[in-house]
Amino acid sequence: MPNRINTLLLQEYKEQFKDASTLVSVGYEGLSSKDTAALRDKLAEANINMTVVKNRIANIALKELGCPEIMPICEKMTALATAEDPVMLARFMVDFRKGNEAFKIHGALVENTILDTNGVVSLSKSPNKQELQGMIVGQAMSPGSKIAGALMGPASTIAGQIKSMVEKMEESA
């Protein structure tokens, strides 16, 4: 029979991760207290939630939520980070790791797909949601602007010719 604390942790993890489409698993052992405080400040600024978890209980909670087993991306002391934008979350973790060798990225769970450390690094190099939307809008507007330019070109030529004819007629009158 599971003890009361583990049961409460299981419920807490399920509640916390039920709407998360992206989880990044990180290892923070070896970080100094100064680096840990800096990490917490940056997490708060970036609107990222990070929870230190018991690996086995977190795995059970996520399996009960319909996610695949995350034990391959949970090593030693693990914290799971969640955010709205998976690319932004991956970029944040990769950028923080650059300045702190003790900070480890174990992997990620993105839309029920397990990524290893290299997968998280690759994800961080992808365009985020806003960048993709901008690219799509730019591509959608490009043909329209070409059509408008094609229609306006002859029309402006005709308008210029009519204007010059009117000016000549005014001069001769």
N, C-alpha and C. Protein backbone atom coordinates (compact mmCIF):
# COMPACT_ATOMS: atom_id res chain seq x y z
N MET A 1 0.84 -1.18 0.00
CA MET A 1 0.00 0.00 0.00
C MET A 1 0.89 1.25 0.00
N PRO A 2 0.65 2.20 -0.95
CA PRO A 2 1.50 3.39 -1.01
C PRO A 2 1.30 4.28 0.21
N ASN A 3 2.38 4.96 0.59
CA ASN A 3 2.23 5.83 1.76
C ASN A 3 1.52 7.12 1.37
N ARG A 4 1.11 7.86 2.35
CA ARG A 4 0.28 9.07 2.16
C ARG A 4 1.03 10.15 1.37
N ILE A 5 2.29 10.33 1.64
CA ILE A 5 3.06 11.37 0.96
C ILE A 5 3.16 11.07 -0.53
N ASN A 6 3.45 9.83 -0.88
CA ASN A 6 3.54 9.47 -2.29
C ASN A 6 2.20 9.62 -3.00
N THR A 7 1.12 9.28 -2.31
CA THR A 7 -0.22 9.46 -2.89
C THR A 7 -0.49 10.93 -3.15
N LEU A 8 -0.14 11.78 -2.21
CA LEU A 8 -0.33 13.22 -2.39
C LEU A 8 0.55 13.76 -3.52
N LEU A 9 1.79 13.29 -3.59
CA LEU A 9 2.67 13.71 -4.68
C LEU A 9 2.12 13.29 -6.03
N LEU A 10 1.60 12.09 -6.11
CA LEU A 10 1.02 11.59 -7.35
C LEU A 10 -0.13 12.48 -7.80
N GLN A 11 -1.00 12.82 -6.86
CA GLN A 11 -2.12 13.71 -7.19
C GLN A 11 -1.62 15.09 -7.63
N GLU A 12 -0.63 15.60 -6.94
CA GLU A 12 -0.07 16.92 -7.27
C GLU A 12 0.55 16.92 -8.66
N TYR A 13 1.33 15.91 -8.98
CA TYR A 13 1.96 15.82 -10.30
C TYR A 13 0.91 15.71 -11.40
N LYS A 14 -0.11 14.89 -11.17
CA LYS A 14 -1.16 14.74 -12.17
C LYS A 14 -1.86 16.07 -12.41
N GLU A 15 -2.13 16.80 -11.36
CA GLU A 15 -2.79 18.10 -11.50
C GLU A 15 -1.88 19.09 -12.22
N GLN A 16 -0.63 19.08 -11.89
CA GLN A 16 0.32 20.04 -12.45
C GLN A 16 0.63 19.77 -13.92
N PHE A 17 0.71 18.51 -14.31
CA PHE A 17 1.13 18.16 -15.66
C PHE A 17 -0.01 17.78 -16.60
N LYS A 18 -1.26 17.86 -16.14
CA LYS A 18 -2.38 17.39 -16.97
C LYS A 18 -2.54 18.21 -18.25
N ASP A 19 -2.24 19.50 -18.24
CA ASP A 19 -2.41 20.34 -19.43
C ASP A 19 -1.09 20.63 -20.14
N ALA A 20 -0.01 20.04 -19.67
CA ALA A 20 1.31 20.32 -20.24
C ALA A 20 1.51 19.50 -21.51
N SER A 21 1.79 20.20 -22.61
CA SER A 21 2.09 19.50 -23.86
C SER A 21 3.59 19.28 -24.00
N THR A 22 4.38 20.02 -23.20
CA THR A 22 5.83 19.91 -23.26
C THR A 22 6.41 19.86 -21.86
N LEU A 23 7.28 18.89 -21.64
CA LEU A 23 8.04 18.79 -20.39
C LEU A 23 9.51 18.62 -20.76
N VAL A 24 10.37 19.41 -20.16
CA VAL A 24 11.80 19.23 -20.36
C VAL A 24 12.37 18.75 -19.03
N SER A 25 13.08 17.64 -19.09
CA SER A 25 13.69 17.04 -17.91
C SER A 25 15.13 17.54 -17.78
N VAL A 26 15.43 18.13 -16.62
CA VAL A 26 16.77 18.68 -16.40
C VAL A 26 17.34 18.15 -15.09
N GLY A 27 18.65 18.14 -15.03
CA GLY A 27 19.36 17.79 -13.81
C GLY A 27 20.07 19.02 -13.29
N TYR A 28 19.90 19.32 -12.05
CA TYR A 28 20.44 20.54 -11.48
C TYR A 28 21.49 20.27 -10.39
N GLU A 29 21.79 19.00 -10.14
CA GLU A 29 22.77 18.70 -9.11
C GLU A 29 24.11 19.29 -9.53
N GLY A 30 24.80 19.87 -8.60
CA GLY A 30 26.08 20.49 -8.90
C GLY A 30 25.98 22.00 -9.12
N LEU A 31 24.77 22.53 -9.24
CA LEU A 31 24.62 23.97 -9.37
C LEU A 31 24.84 24.62 -8.01
N SER A 32 25.54 25.71 -8.01
CA SER A 32 25.74 26.43 -6.76
C SER A 32 24.44 27.13 -6.37
N SER A 33 24.35 27.57 -5.14
CA SER A 33 23.14 28.25 -4.70
C SER A 33 22.95 29.56 -5.48
N LYS A 34 24.04 30.20 -5.85
CA LYS A 34 23.96 31.43 -6.65
C LYS A 34 23.38 31.11 -8.03
N ASP A 35 23.85 30.04 -8.66
CA ASP A 35 23.34 29.65 -9.97
C ASP A 35 21.88 29.20 -9.89
N THR A 36 21.53 28.51 -8.82
CA THR A 36 20.15 28.08 -8.63
C THR A 36 19.22 29.28 -8.47
N ALA A 37 19.66 30.28 -7.72
CA ALA A 37 18.86 31.50 -7.56
C ALA A 37 18.72 32.22 -8.90
N ALA A 38 19.79 32.27 -9.67
CA ALA A 38 19.73 32.90 -11.00
C ALA A 38 18.76 32.15 -11.91
N LEU A 39 18.80 30.82 -11.83
CA LEU A 39 17.89 30.01 -12.62
C LEU A 39 16.44 30.30 -12.24
N ARG A 40 16.16 30.36 -10.97
CA ARG A 40 14.79 30.63 -10.52
C ARG A 40 14.31 32.01 -10.98
N ASP A 41 15.20 33.00 -10.91
CA ASP A 41 14.83 34.35 -11.37
C ASP A 41 14.51 34.34 -12.86
N LYS A 42 15.36 33.69 -13.64
CA LYS A 42 15.15 33.64 -15.10
C LYS A 42 13.90 32.85 -15.45
N LEU A 43 13.63 31.78 -14.71
CA LEU A 43 12.41 31.00 -14.95
C LEU A 43 11.17 31.86 -14.71
N ALA A 44 11.18 32.63 -13.64
CA ALA A 44 10.04 33.49 -13.33
C ALA A 44 9.84 34.54 -14.42
N GLU A 45 10.94 35.13 -14.91
CA GLU A 45 10.85 36.14 -15.97
C GLU A 45 10.28 35.54 -17.26
N ALA A 46 10.65 34.30 -17.55
CA ALA A 46 10.25 33.65 -18.80
C ALA A 46 8.89 32.94 -18.67
N ASN A 47 8.28 32.99 -17.50
CA ASN A 47 6.99 32.34 -17.25
C ASN A 47 7.07 30.83 -17.48
N ILE A 48 8.12 30.24 -16.94
CA ILE A 48 8.33 28.80 -17.03
C ILE A 48 8.19 28.21 -15.63
N ASN A 49 7.44 27.12 -15.54
CA ASN A 49 7.28 26.41 -14.26
C ASN A 49 8.25 25.25 -14.23
N MET A 50 8.94 25.10 -13.12
CA MET A 50 9.85 23.97 -12.96
C MET A 50 9.60 23.34 -11.60
N THR A 51 9.43 22.02 -11.61
CA THR A 51 9.13 21.28 -10.40
C THR A 51 10.14 20.17 -10.20
N VAL A 52 10.72 20.11 -9.02
CA VAL A 52 11.60 19.00 -8.67
C VAL A 52 10.69 17.82 -8.38
N VAL A 53 10.98 16.68 -9.02
CA VAL A 53 10.08 15.53 -8.91
C VAL A 53 10.81 14.29 -8.42
N LYS A 54 10.02 13.37 -7.89
CA LYS A 54 10.50 12.02 -7.65
C LYS A 54 10.23 11.27 -8.96
N ASN A 55 11.28 10.75 -9.56
CA ASN A 55 11.18 10.17 -10.90
C ASN A 55 10.10 9.10 -11.02
N ARG A 56 10.08 8.17 -10.10
CA ARG A 56 9.15 7.06 -10.19
C ARG A 56 7.70 7.53 -10.09
N ILE A 57 7.44 8.46 -9.19
CA ILE A 57 6.07 8.95 -9.00
C ILE A 57 5.65 9.83 -10.18
N ALA A 58 6.57 10.64 -10.70
CA ALA A 58 6.27 11.46 -11.87
C ALA A 58 5.96 10.56 -13.07
N ASN A 59 6.70 9.49 -13.22
CA ASN A 59 6.46 8.55 -14.32
C ASN A 59 5.07 7.92 -14.20
N ILE A 60 4.69 7.54 -13.00
CA ILE A 60 3.36 6.96 -12.78
C ILE A 60 2.28 7.99 -13.10
N ALA A 61 2.47 9.21 -12.64
CA ALA A 61 1.47 10.26 -12.88
C ALA A 61 1.30 10.52 -14.37
N LEU A 62 2.39 10.61 -15.10
CA LEU A 62 2.30 10.88 -16.53
C LEU A 62 1.72 9.69 -17.30
N LYS A 63 2.03 8.48 -16.86
CA LYS A 63 1.43 7.30 -17.50
C LYS A 63 -0.07 7.30 -17.28
N GLU A 64 -0.52 7.69 -16.09
CA GLU A 64 -1.96 7.76 -15.82
C GLU A 64 -2.62 8.87 -16.63
N LEU A 65 -1.85 9.88 -17.05
CA LEU A 65 -2.38 10.95 -17.90
C LEU A 65 -2.31 10.60 -19.38
N GLY A 66 -1.81 9.40 -19.69
CA GLY A 66 -1.77 8.95 -21.08
C GLY A 66 -0.48 9.26 -21.81
N CYS A 67 0.55 9.64 -21.09
CA CYS A 67 1.85 9.94 -21.71
C CYS A 67 2.71 8.68 -21.71
N PRO A 68 3.71 8.63 -22.60
CA PRO A 68 4.61 7.48 -22.58
C PRO A 68 5.52 7.52 -21.35
N GLU A 69 6.19 6.42 -21.11
CA GLU A 69 7.09 6.32 -19.96
C GLU A 69 8.25 7.32 -20.11
N ILE A 70 8.49 8.11 -19.08
CA ILE A 70 9.53 9.14 -19.15
C ILE A 70 10.81 8.74 -18.42
N MET A 71 10.86 7.52 -17.91
CA MET A 71 12.05 7.11 -17.17
C MET A 71 13.34 7.24 -17.98
N PRO A 72 13.32 7.06 -19.32
CA PRO A 72 14.58 7.24 -20.06
C PRO A 72 15.15 8.66 -19.97
N ILE A 73 14.30 9.66 -19.69
CA ILE A 73 14.80 11.04 -19.60
C ILE A 73 14.88 11.55 -18.16
N CYS A 74 14.74 10.64 -17.20
CA CYS A 74 14.85 11.01 -15.80
C CYS A 74 16.07 10.33 -15.20
N GLU A 75 17.03 11.13 -14.79
CA GLU A 75 18.25 10.59 -14.19
C GLU A 75 18.51 11.33 -12.88
N LYS A 76 18.90 10.61 -11.88
CA LYS A 76 19.27 11.17 -10.58
C LYS A 76 18.24 12.19 -10.13
N MET A 77 18.72 13.39 -9.74
CA MET A 77 17.82 14.46 -9.29
C MET A 77 17.24 15.13 -10.54
N THR A 78 15.92 15.08 -10.65
CA THR A 78 15.26 15.56 -11.85
C THR A 78 14.28 16.67 -11.52
N ALA A 79 14.24 17.65 -12.41
CA ALA A 79 13.21 18.69 -12.36
C ALA A 79 12.55 18.70 -13.73
N LEU A 80 11.23 18.84 -13.74
CA LEU A 80 10.49 18.92 -14.99
C LEU A 80 10.02 20.35 -15.19
N ALA A 81 10.35 20.92 -16.35
CA ALA A 81 9.97 22.29 -16.67
C ALA A 81 8.85 22.27 -17.71
N THR A 82 7.88 23.16 -17.56
CA THR A 82 6.77 23.26 -18.50
C THR A 82 6.59 24.70 -18.92
N ALA A 83 6.13 24.89 -20.15
CA ALA A 83 5.81 26.22 -20.67
C ALA A 83 4.86 26.05 -21.84
N GLU A 84 4.25 27.16 -22.25
CA GLU A 84 3.29 27.14 -23.35
C GLU A 84 3.97 26.78 -24.68
N ASP A 85 5.12 27.39 -24.93
CA ASP A 85 5.80 27.24 -26.21
C ASP A 85 6.97 26.27 -26.08
N PRO A 86 6.92 25.11 -26.74
CA PRO A 86 7.99 24.13 -26.59
C PRO A 86 9.35 24.63 -27.09
N VAL A 87 9.34 25.42 -28.16
CA VAL A 87 10.61 25.91 -28.71
C VAL A 87 11.24 26.91 -27.75
N MET A 88 10.44 27.81 -27.20
CA MET A 88 10.94 28.79 -26.24
C MET A 88 11.51 28.08 -25.01
N LEU A 89 10.83 27.04 -24.55
CA LEU A 89 11.29 26.29 -23.39
C LEU A 89 12.63 25.61 -23.69
N ALA A 90 12.72 24.99 -24.86
CA ALA A 90 13.97 24.32 -25.24
C ALA A 90 15.11 25.35 -25.38
N ARG A 91 14.82 26.50 -25.98
CA ARG A 91 15.84 27.55 -26.13
C ARG A 91 16.33 28.03 -24.77
N PHE A 92 15.39 28.23 -23.86
CA PHE A 92 15.74 28.69 -22.52
C PHE A 92 16.70 27.71 -21.86
N MET A 93 16.36 26.43 -21.89
CA MET A 93 17.18 25.42 -21.23
C MET A 93 18.56 25.30 -21.87
N VAL A 94 18.60 25.32 -23.19
CA VAL A 94 19.89 25.22 -23.90
C VAL A 94 20.74 26.45 -23.60
N ASP A 95 20.13 27.63 -23.60
CA ASP A 95 20.88 28.86 -23.30
C ASP A 95 21.41 28.86 -21.87
N PHE A 96 20.59 28.41 -20.92
CA PHE A 96 21.05 28.38 -19.52
C PHE A 96 22.18 27.37 -19.36
N ARG A 97 22.12 26.27 -20.07
CA ARG A 97 23.16 25.24 -19.98
C ARG A 97 24.50 25.75 -20.47
N LYS A 98 24.49 26.68 -21.44
CA LYS A 98 25.74 27.20 -21.99
C LYS A 98 26.61 27.85 -20.92
N GLY A 99 26.00 28.52 -19.97
CA GLY A 99 26.76 29.18 -18.93
C GLY A 99 26.98 28.35 -17.68
N ASN A 100 26.38 27.18 -17.61
CA ASN A 100 26.44 26.34 -16.41
C ASN A 100 26.65 24.88 -16.81
N GLU A 101 27.87 24.42 -16.73
CA GLU A 101 28.17 23.04 -17.13
C GLU A 101 27.51 22.02 -16.21
N ALA A 102 27.21 22.40 -14.98
CA ALA A 102 26.60 21.47 -14.04
C ALA A 102 25.12 21.23 -14.35
N PHE A 103 24.52 22.11 -15.12
CA PHE A 103 23.11 22.00 -15.50
C PHE A 103 22.99 21.03 -16.67
N LYS A 104 22.22 19.97 -16.50
CA LYS A 104 22.11 18.92 -17.51
C LYS A 104 20.68 18.88 -18.08
N ILE A 105 20.60 18.71 -19.37
CA ILE A 105 19.30 18.49 -20.02
C ILE A 105 19.23 17.00 -20.32
N HIS A 106 18.27 16.32 -19.69
CA HIS A 106 18.14 14.88 -19.88
C HIS A 106 17.34 14.55 -21.13
N GLY A 107 16.35 15.35 -21.44
CA GLY A 107 15.49 15.10 -22.58
C GLY A 107 14.19 15.84 -22.42
N ALA A 108 13.22 15.50 -23.27
CA ALA A 108 11.93 16.19 -23.21
C ALA A 108 10.81 15.27 -23.66
N LEU A 109 9.63 15.62 -23.24
CA LEU A 109 8.40 14.99 -23.70
C LEU A 109 7.62 16.07 -24.42
N VAL A 110 7.54 15.97 -25.74
CA VAL A 110 6.86 16.99 -26.55
C VAL A 110 5.74 16.30 -27.32
N GLU A 111 4.50 16.67 -27.01
CA GLU A 111 3.33 16.09 -27.68
C GLU A 111 3.40 14.56 -27.70
N ASN A 112 3.66 13.97 -26.54
CA ASN A 112 3.74 12.51 -26.35
C ASN A 112 4.88 11.85 -27.12
N THR A 113 5.91 12.62 -27.44
CA THR A 113 7.10 12.09 -28.10
C THR A 113 8.30 12.36 -27.20
N ILE A 114 9.08 11.33 -26.93
CA ILE A 114 10.27 11.48 -26.10
C ILE A 114 11.44 11.95 -26.97
N LEU A 115 12.10 13.02 -26.55
CA LEU A 115 13.30 13.53 -27.21
C LEU A 115 14.49 13.37 -26.28
N ASP A 116 15.64 13.02 -26.83
CA ASP A 116 16.85 12.98 -26.02
C ASP A 116 17.46 14.39 -25.97
N THR A 117 18.63 14.51 -25.39
CA THR A 117 19.28 15.82 -25.26
C THR A 117 19.50 16.46 -26.62
N ASN A 118 19.96 15.69 -27.59
CA ASN A 118 20.19 16.24 -28.93
C ASN A 118 18.88 16.69 -29.57
N GLY A 119 17.80 16.00 -29.28
CA GLY A 119 16.48 16.40 -29.78
C GLY A 119 16.04 17.73 -29.21
N VAL A 120 16.34 17.96 -27.94
CA VAL A 120 16.01 19.24 -27.31
C VAL A 120 16.83 20.36 -27.94
N VAL A 121 18.10 20.10 -28.19
CA VAL A 121 18.97 21.11 -28.84
C VAL A 121 18.44 21.41 -30.24
N SER A 122 18.05 20.39 -30.98
CA SER A 122 17.48 20.61 -32.32
C SER A 122 16.19 21.40 -32.25
N LEU A 123 15.35 21.08 -31.28
CA LEU A 123 14.09 21.81 -31.10
C LEU A 123 14.36 23.28 -30.79
N SER A 124 15.40 23.56 -30.03
CA SER A 124 15.71 24.95 -29.67
C SER A 124 16.13 25.78 -30.88
N LYS A 125 16.59 25.12 -31.94
CA LYS A 125 17.01 25.82 -33.15
C LYS A 125 15.86 26.03 -34.13
N SER A 126 14.71 25.45 -33.85
CA SER A 126 13.54 25.58 -34.72
C SER A 126 12.89 26.94 -34.52
N PRO A 127 12.12 27.41 -35.51
CA PRO A 127 11.37 28.65 -35.30
C PRO A 127 10.23 28.40 -34.31
N ASN A 128 9.95 29.39 -33.47
CA ASN A 128 8.86 29.21 -32.51
C ASN A 128 7.52 29.54 -33.17
N LYS A 129 6.46 29.49 -32.40
CA LYS A 129 5.11 29.65 -32.92
C LYS A 129 4.93 31.01 -33.60
N GLN A 130 5.39 32.08 -32.97
CA GLN A 130 5.24 33.42 -33.55
C GLN A 130 6.04 33.56 -34.84
N GLU A 131 7.25 33.01 -34.86
CA GLU A 131 8.08 33.08 -36.07
C GLU A 131 7.42 32.30 -37.21
N LEU A 132 6.86 31.13 -36.90
CA LEU A 132 6.18 30.34 -37.93
C LEU A 132 4.95 31.08 -38.47
N GLN A 133 4.19 31.72 -37.57
CA GLN A 133 3.03 32.48 -38.02
C GLN A 133 3.45 33.62 -38.94
N GLY A 134 4.53 34.30 -38.60
CA GLY A 134 5.04 35.38 -39.44
C GLY A 134 5.48 34.87 -40.80
N MET A 135 6.12 33.72 -40.83
CA MET A 135 6.56 33.13 -42.10
C MET A 135 5.36 32.77 -42.97
N ILE A 136 4.33 32.20 -42.35
CA ILE A 136 3.13 31.81 -43.10
C ILE A 136 2.41 33.03 -43.64
N VAL A 137 2.27 34.06 -42.81
CA VAL A 137 1.61 35.29 -43.27
C VAL A 137 2.40 35.92 -44.41
N GLY A 138 3.71 35.95 -44.29
CA GLY A 138 4.54 36.51 -45.35
C GLY A 138 4.39 35.74 -46.65
N GLN A 139 4.34 34.42 -46.57
CA GLN A 139 4.17 33.62 -47.77
C GLN A 139 2.78 33.77 -48.35
N ALA A 140 1.78 33.92 -47.50
CA ALA A 140 0.41 34.08 -47.98
C ALA A 140 0.23 35.45 -48.65
N MET A 141 0.90 36.46 -48.12
CA MET A 141 0.74 37.81 -48.67
C MET A 141 1.59 38.03 -49.91
N SER A 142 2.62 37.28 -50.10
CA SER A 142 3.53 37.47 -51.23
C SER A 142 2.82 37.36 -52.58
N PRO A 143 2.04 36.32 -52.84
CA PRO A 143 1.35 36.27 -54.14
C PRO A 143 0.36 37.42 -54.31
N GLY A 144 -0.31 37.80 -53.24
CA GLY A 144 -1.26 38.91 -53.32
C GLY A 144 -0.58 40.21 -53.68
N SER A 145 0.59 40.46 -53.10
CA SER A 145 1.29 41.71 -53.41
C SER A 145 1.81 41.68 -54.84
N LYS A 146 2.19 40.50 -55.33
CA LYS A 146 2.65 40.40 -56.73
C LYS A 146 1.49 40.67 -57.68
N ILE A 147 0.32 40.13 -57.36
CA ILE A 147 -0.85 40.38 -58.20
C ILE A 147 -1.22 41.86 -58.18
N ALA A 148 -1.20 42.45 -56.99
CA ALA A 148 -1.52 43.87 -56.89
C ALA A 148 -0.51 44.70 -57.67
N GLY A 149 0.75 44.36 -57.60
CA GLY A 149 1.78 45.06 -58.36
C GLY A 149 1.57 44.90 -59.85
N ALA A 150 1.21 43.69 -60.26
CA ALA A 150 0.97 43.44 -61.69
C ALA A 150 -0.24 44.23 -62.19
N LEU A 151 -1.27 44.35 -61.37
CA LEU A 151 -2.44 45.12 -61.77
C LEU A 151 -2.19 46.62 -61.73
N MET A 152 -1.42 47.05 -60.75
CA MET A 152 -1.18 48.48 -60.59
C MET A 152 -0.18 49.01 -61.61
N GLY A 153 0.73 48.20 -62.09
CA GLY A 153 1.74 48.64 -63.06
C GLY A 153 1.12 49.21 -64.32
N PRO A 154 0.31 48.45 -65.05
CA PRO A 154 -0.32 49.00 -66.27
C PRO A 154 -1.28 50.14 -65.97
N ALA A 155 -1.98 50.05 -64.84
CA ALA A 155 -2.92 51.11 -64.50
C ALA A 155 -2.19 52.43 -64.26
N SER A 156 -1.05 52.37 -63.59
CA SER A 156 -0.30 53.62 -63.35
C SER A 156 0.30 54.14 -64.65
N THR A 157 0.67 53.25 -65.55
CA THR A 157 1.18 53.69 -66.86
C THR A 157 0.09 54.41 -67.63
N ILE A 158 -1.10 53.84 -67.65
CA ILE A 158 -2.23 54.48 -68.34
C ILE A 158 -2.57 55.81 -67.69
N ALA A 159 -2.58 55.85 -66.36
CA ALA A 159 -2.88 57.09 -65.65
C ALA A 159 -1.84 58.15 -65.97
N GLY A 160 -0.57 57.78 -66.07
CA GLY A 160 0.48 58.73 -66.42
C GLY A 160 0.32 59.25 -67.84
N GLN A 161 -0.08 58.38 -68.77
CA GLN A 161 -0.29 58.81 -70.15
C GLN A 161 -1.48 59.76 -70.26
N ILE A 162 -2.55 59.45 -69.54
CA ILE A 162 -3.73 60.34 -69.56
C ILE A 162 -3.36 61.69 -68.97
N LYS A 163 -2.60 61.69 -67.91
CA LYS A 163 -2.19 62.95 -67.28
C LYS A 163 -1.35 63.78 -68.25
N SER A 164 -0.41 63.15 -68.94
CA SER A 164 0.41 63.91 -69.88
C SER A 164 -0.42 64.43 -71.06
N MET A 165 -1.42 63.67 -71.49
CA MET A 165 -2.30 64.14 -72.57
C MET A 165 -3.12 65.33 -72.10
N VAL A 166 -3.62 65.29 -70.86
CA VAL A 166 -4.39 66.40 -70.32
C VAL A 166 -3.52 67.64 -70.22
N GLU A 167 -2.28 67.48 -69.76
CA GLU A 167 -1.36 68.62 -69.66
C GLU A 167 -1.08 69.23 -71.04
N LYS A 168 -0.89 68.40 -72.06
CA LYS A 168 -0.66 68.90 -73.41
C LYS A 168 -1.86 69.64 -73.94
N MET A 169 -3.07 69.12 -73.66
CA MET A 169 -4.28 69.78 -74.12
C MET A 169 -4.48 71.11 -73.42
N GLU A 170 -4.11 71.17 -72.11
CA GLU A 170 -4.24 72.43 -71.38
C GLU A 170 -3.25 73.46 -71.92
N GLU A 171 -2.04 73.02 -72.26
CA GLU A 171 -1.05 73.94 -72.82
C GLU A 171 -1.48 74.47 -74.16
N SER A 172 -2.07 73.63 -75.00
CA SER A 172 -2.47 74.07 -76.35
C SER A 172 -3.75 74.92 -76.29
N ALA A 173 -4.51 74.80 -75.25
CA ALA A 173 -5.75 75.59 -75.14
C ALA A 173 -5.46 76.91 -74.57
